[in-house]
Amino acid sequence: MKISVITVTYQSVGTLEEAMRSVLRQSWPDVEYIVVDGGSTDGTVETIRRMEPEFSGRLRWISEPDHGIYDAMNKGIRMAAGEVVGILNSDDFFAAPDVLERVAAAFASDAALEGVYGDVRYVEPENTARTVRHYSSAGFTRKKLVYGLMPAHPSFYARKTCFDRFGLYDTRYRISADYDMFVRLIWVGNICTRYMPFDFVTMRNGGASSSGFSARWQIMREHLRSAREHGMPSSFFLQSLRYFGKIADLLKK
């Protein structure tokens, strides 16, 4: 079973190499790695070219202007030849060498399974040994989408046929196209998913969805828009409740 892992470069050329090396360390051999660069001039392309021979033909990449992160992710999904597709952010890295092997085993064991997800660990950007927050998807249920809750997006791997049926990331959403994707796949499509109880990736803290009040307000608006467009009952009050869970996670750190 071929797994396509897609990385969109958008933060630091220094962390991209760490992400790429974590792909190289994966024990599952049938991995297609796709890097989508937005035409950067910061040394990213040079890093990709320097490391390309280490992938022995398993790396595909493009460098050209795009219309944001989700547009770039869509390019990667269109390029993907794997039966299963997932996203590895450029500032993240796999938590263990057997992550993709365990993902492949789950899909191979159940032909009806369409998506899997697990946990992620947030760490300090300059000290990846220090955990800032642990995001467990263990308690996720379909109903929790109503409250703005979703599985950890960087841990989500789905059969490519899901994107064929329900579409790619909706680029009208600036921050929350991942949430909108879950609404379409899990609320509307009710695809068969499974929680896998282990850390998929280690994430550097920060990013577009965690950068202050204005971003959180934008997230709230986009969540409600997605709910409305896809016929999912929700409200400002219900969506606000999810922040109590985030506070609880921080207190348990």
Protein backbone atom coordinates (compact mmCIF):
# COMPACT_ATOMS: atom_id res chain seq x y z
CA MET A 1 0.00 0.00 0.00
CA LYS A 2 1.48 3.29 -1.10
CA ILE A 3 1.13 6.23 1.31
CA SER A 4 1.55 9.76 -0.03
CA VAL A 5 2.88 12.25 2.52
CA ILE A 6 2.55 15.92 1.50
CA THR A 7 4.59 18.78 2.91
CA VAL A 8 3.82 22.41 2.09
CA THR A 9 6.77 24.72 2.75
CA TYR A 10 5.74 27.92 4.45
CA GLN A 11 7.82 28.63 7.57
CA SER A 12 11.49 27.78 7.92
CA VAL A 13 13.94 26.12 5.58
CA GLY A 14 15.80 24.88 8.68
CA THR A 15 12.85 22.83 9.91
CA LEU A 16 12.03 21.45 6.47
CA GLU A 17 15.14 19.28 6.55
CA GLU A 18 14.03 17.82 9.89
CA ALA A 19 10.63 16.98 8.42
CA MET A 20 12.24 15.36 5.38
CA ARG A 21 14.62 13.30 7.49
CA SER A 22 11.73 12.03 9.61
CA VAL A 23 10.14 10.74 6.40
CA LEU A 24 13.40 9.01 5.45
CA ARG A 25 13.46 7.29 8.85
CA GLN A 26 10.03 5.71 8.35
CA SER A 27 10.12 1.90 8.39
CA TRP A 28 7.25 1.60 5.88
CA PRO A 29 8.96 1.34 2.46
CA ASP A 30 6.12 2.26 0.11
CA VAL A 31 6.05 6.00 0.77
CA GLU A 32 5.70 8.73 -1.82
CA TYR A 33 6.88 12.07 -0.46
CA ILE A 34 5.55 15.23 -2.11
CA VAL A 35 6.88 18.71 -1.32
CA VAL A 36 4.93 21.71 -2.58
CA ASP A 37 6.91 24.96 -2.43
CA GLY A 38 5.38 28.34 -3.18
CA GLY A 39 8.24 29.57 -5.36
CA SER A 40 10.37 30.59 -2.38
CA THR A 41 13.84 32.11 -2.63
CA ASP A 42 14.99 31.42 0.94
CA GLY A 43 17.02 28.27 0.28
CA THR A 44 14.10 25.84 0.47
CA VAL A 45 14.54 24.61 -3.10
CA GLU A 46 18.26 24.12 -2.53
CA THR A 47 17.47 21.96 0.52
CA ILE A 48 15.02 19.85 -1.49
CA ARG A 49 17.50 19.37 -4.31
CA ARG A 50 20.32 18.49 -1.93
CA MET A 51 18.25 15.82 -0.18
CA GLU A 52 16.42 14.47 -3.23
CA PRO A 53 18.95 11.68 -3.97
CA GLU A 54 18.41 10.23 -0.49
CA PHE A 55 14.80 9.41 -1.38
CA SER A 56 15.84 7.14 -4.28
CA GLY A 57 13.03 8.29 -6.56
CA ARG A 58 10.35 8.48 -3.86
CA LEU A 59 10.39 12.30 -3.72
CA ARG A 60 8.32 14.48 -6.03
CA TRP A 61 8.26 18.25 -5.70
CA ILE A 62 7.19 21.48 -7.35
CA SER A 63 8.09 25.11 -6.72
CA GLU A 64 5.68 27.71 -8.06
CA PRO A 65 3.42 30.49 -6.75
CA ASP A 66 0.26 29.41 -4.99
CA HIS A 67 -2.76 31.00 -3.29
CA GLY A 68 -1.97 29.94 0.27
CA ILE A 69 -1.42 26.83 2.34
CA TYR A 70 -4.65 25.06 1.43
CA ASP A 71 -4.18 25.70 -2.29
CA ALA A 72 -0.72 24.15 -1.98
CA MET A 73 -2.13 21.15 -0.09
CA ASN A 74 -4.63 20.66 -2.90
CA LYS A 75 -1.80 20.64 -5.42
CA GLY A 76 -0.12 17.90 -3.42
CA ILE A 77 -3.27 15.80 -3.23
CA ARG A 78 -3.76 16.10 -6.99
CA MET A 79 -0.16 14.92 -7.49
CA ALA A 80 -0.50 12.00 -5.07
CA ALA A 81 -0.36 8.48 -6.45
CA GLY A 82 -0.83 6.79 -3.08
CA GLU A 83 -3.94 4.97 -1.94
CA VAL A 84 -3.67 6.81 1.38
CA VAL A 85 -2.81 10.51 1.78
CA GLY A 86 -1.70 12.61 4.76
CA ILE A 87 -0.12 15.99 5.50
CA LEU A 88 3.19 16.60 7.30
CA ASN A 89 3.68 20.31 7.98
CA SER A 90 7.10 21.73 7.17
CA ASP A 91 7.80 22.59 10.81
CA ASP A 92 6.67 19.16 12.12
CA PHE A 93 8.29 15.76 12.14
CA PHE A 94 7.12 12.19 12.68
CA ALA A 95 7.14 11.18 16.33
CA ALA A 96 8.52 7.69 15.65
CA PRO A 97 9.95 5.67 12.74
CA ASP A 98 6.96 3.28 12.61
CA VAL A 99 4.11 5.80 12.30
CA LEU A 100 3.38 5.10 8.64
CA GLU A 101 3.87 1.36 9.12
CA ARG A 102 1.12 1.39 11.75
CA VAL A 103 -1.11 3.52 9.51
CA ALA A 104 -0.64 1.10 6.60
CA ALA A 105 -1.42 -1.88 8.85
CA ALA A 106 -4.68 -0.28 9.99
CA PHE A 107 -5.91 0.31 6.44
CA ALA A 108 -4.76 -3.15 5.31
CA SER A 109 -6.69 -4.81 8.15
CA ASP A 110 -10.04 -3.24 7.28
CA ALA A 111 -11.17 -2.58 3.72
CA ALA A 112 -14.06 -0.43 5.00
CA LEU A 113 -11.74 1.93 6.89
CA GLU A 114 -11.51 5.33 5.17
CA GLY A 115 -9.60 7.48 7.64
CA VAL A 116 -7.42 7.26 10.75
CA TYR A 117 -6.24 9.84 13.24
CA GLY A 118 -4.26 9.97 16.47
CA ASP A 119 -2.41 12.34 18.75
CA VAL A 120 0.13 15.12 18.31
CA ARG A 121 2.57 16.76 20.67
CA TYR A 122 3.27 20.50 20.61
CA VAL A 123 6.80 21.53 21.58
CA GLU A 124 8.78 24.73 21.92
CA PRO A 125 10.09 25.88 18.52
CA GLU A 126 13.69 26.12 19.70
CA ASN A 127 13.57 23.24 22.18
CA THR A 128 11.71 20.27 20.75
CA ALA A 129 12.40 18.22 23.87
CA ARG A 130 10.04 20.42 25.87
CA THR A 131 6.32 19.71 25.51
CA VAL A 132 3.97 22.69 25.50
CA ARG A 133 0.74 20.76 24.96
CA HIS A 134 -0.41 17.25 24.12
CA TYR A 135 -3.39 17.08 21.77
CA SER A 136 -5.16 13.75 22.07
CA SER A 137 -7.90 12.85 19.60
CA ALA A 138 -9.05 9.99 21.85
CA GLY A 139 -12.33 11.61 22.85
CA PHE A 140 -13.34 12.78 19.40
CA THR A 141 -16.78 11.80 18.13
CA ARG A 142 -18.71 12.95 15.08
CA LYS A 143 -21.03 15.02 17.29
CA LYS A 144 -18.12 17.07 18.65
CA LEU A 145 -17.74 18.79 15.29
CA VAL A 146 -20.80 20.80 16.36
CA TYR A 147 -18.63 22.31 19.11
CA GLY A 148 -15.76 23.14 16.75
CA LEU A 149 -13.72 20.13 17.89
CA MET A 150 -11.92 17.89 15.44
CA PRO A 151 -9.20 15.24 15.34
CA ALA A 152 -5.62 16.46 15.20
CA HIS A 153 -5.31 17.42 11.53
CA PRO A 154 -1.58 16.52 11.20
CA SER A 155 -2.45 12.98 12.32
CA PHE A 156 -5.22 12.48 9.76
CA TYR A 157 -4.66 9.97 6.94
CA ALA A 158 -7.44 9.16 4.51
CA ARG A 159 -7.95 7.10 1.41
CA LYS A 160 -7.53 9.30 -1.64
CA THR A 161 -10.98 8.23 -2.80
CA CYS A 162 -12.40 10.37 0.04
CA PHE A 163 -11.04 13.50 -1.64
CA ASP A 164 -12.40 12.30 -4.96
CA ARG A 165 -15.88 11.98 -3.42
CA PHE A 166 -16.02 15.02 -1.15
CA GLY A 167 -13.58 17.44 -2.75
CA LEU A 168 -10.31 19.09 -1.78
CA TYR A 169 -9.65 21.82 0.79
CA ASP A 170 -11.98 24.77 0.27
CA THR A 171 -9.63 27.72 -0.32
CA ARG A 172 -12.34 30.24 0.59
CA TYR A 173 -11.37 29.48 4.20
CA ARG A 174 -8.24 31.32 5.31
CA ILE A 175 -7.57 29.34 8.50
CA SER A 176 -10.18 26.60 8.92
CA ALA A 177 -10.29 24.65 5.67
CA ASP A 178 -9.12 21.64 7.69
CA TYR A 179 -12.19 21.88 9.93
CA ASP A 180 -14.42 22.31 6.87
CA MET A 181 -12.82 19.17 5.39
CA PHE A 182 -13.70 17.20 8.53
CA VAL A 183 -17.26 18.51 8.40
CA ARG A 184 -17.61 17.27 4.83
CA LEU A 185 -15.88 13.92 5.38
CA ILE A 186 -17.16 12.99 8.84
CA TRP A 187 -20.41 14.94 9.36
CA VAL A 188 -21.76 14.93 5.81
CA GLY A 189 -20.05 11.81 4.47
CA ASN A 190 -19.94 9.88 7.76
CA ILE A 191 -16.85 8.05 6.55
CA CYS A 192 -15.53 5.10 8.54
CA THR A 193 -12.69 6.33 10.78
CA ARG A 194 -10.54 4.91 13.57
CA TYR A 195 -8.63 6.51 16.42
CA MET A 196 -5.07 5.22 16.83
CA PRO A 197 -3.73 5.88 20.35
CA PHE A 198 -0.23 7.17 19.76
CA ASP A 199 1.60 10.34 18.74
CA PHE A 200 1.79 10.76 14.98
CA VAL A 201 3.85 13.93 14.83
CA THR A 202 5.72 16.40 16.97
CA MET A 203 4.68 19.97 16.19
CA ARG A 204 6.45 23.24 16.85
CA ASN A 205 4.06 25.53 18.68
CA GLY A 206 2.67 28.44 16.66
CA GLY A 207 1.14 28.89 13.21
CA ALA A 208 -1.78 30.60 11.59
CA SER A 209 -4.45 28.99 13.75
CA SER A 210 -2.89 29.88 17.13
CA SER A 211 -1.75 33.48 16.77
CA GLY A 212 -3.94 35.66 18.96
CA PHE A 213 -7.49 36.88 19.35
CA SER A 214 -7.98 37.98 15.74
CA ALA A 215 -7.09 34.51 14.47
CA ARG A 216 -9.40 32.85 16.99
CA TRP A 217 -12.24 35.15 15.96
CA GLN A 218 -11.59 34.28 12.32
CA ILE A 219 -11.64 30.59 13.20
CA MET A 220 -14.99 31.00 14.96
CA ARG A 221 -16.52 32.76 11.97
CA GLU A 222 -15.20 30.17 9.52
CA HIS A 223 -16.40 27.26 11.66
CA LEU A 224 -19.91 28.70 11.78
CA ARG A 225 -19.84 29.34 8.05
CA SER A 226 -18.88 25.72 7.35
CA ALA A 227 -21.56 24.43 9.70
CA ARG A 228 -24.18 26.57 8.01
CA GLU A 229 -23.14 25.60 4.48
CA HIS A 230 -23.19 21.88 5.25
CA GLY A 231 -26.35 21.77 7.32
CA MET A 232 -24.68 21.02 10.65
CA PRO A 233 -26.38 22.56 13.71
CA SER A 234 -24.04 24.83 15.64
CA SER A 235 -23.86 28.27 17.23
CA PHE A 236 -21.45 30.84 18.59
CA PHE A 237 -22.11 29.54 22.11
CA LEU A 238 -21.49 25.90 21.23
CA GLN A 239 -18.33 26.73 19.31
CA SER A 240 -17.02 28.78 22.25
CA LEU A 241 -17.18 25.79 24.59
CA ARG A 242 -14.17 24.16 22.95
CA TYR A 243 -11.80 26.69 24.50
CA PHE A 244 -12.57 25.28 27.96
CA GLY A 245 -11.11 21.99 26.76
CA LYS A 246 -7.96 23.71 25.58
CA ILE A 247 -7.53 25.34 28.98
CA ALA A 248 -7.91 21.92 30.63
CA ASP A 249 -5.20 20.50 28.36
CA LEU A 250 -2.82 23.27 29.39
CA LEU A 251 -3.54 22.68 33.09
CA LYS A 252 -2.68 18.98 32.66
CA LYS A 253 0.68 19.78 31.03
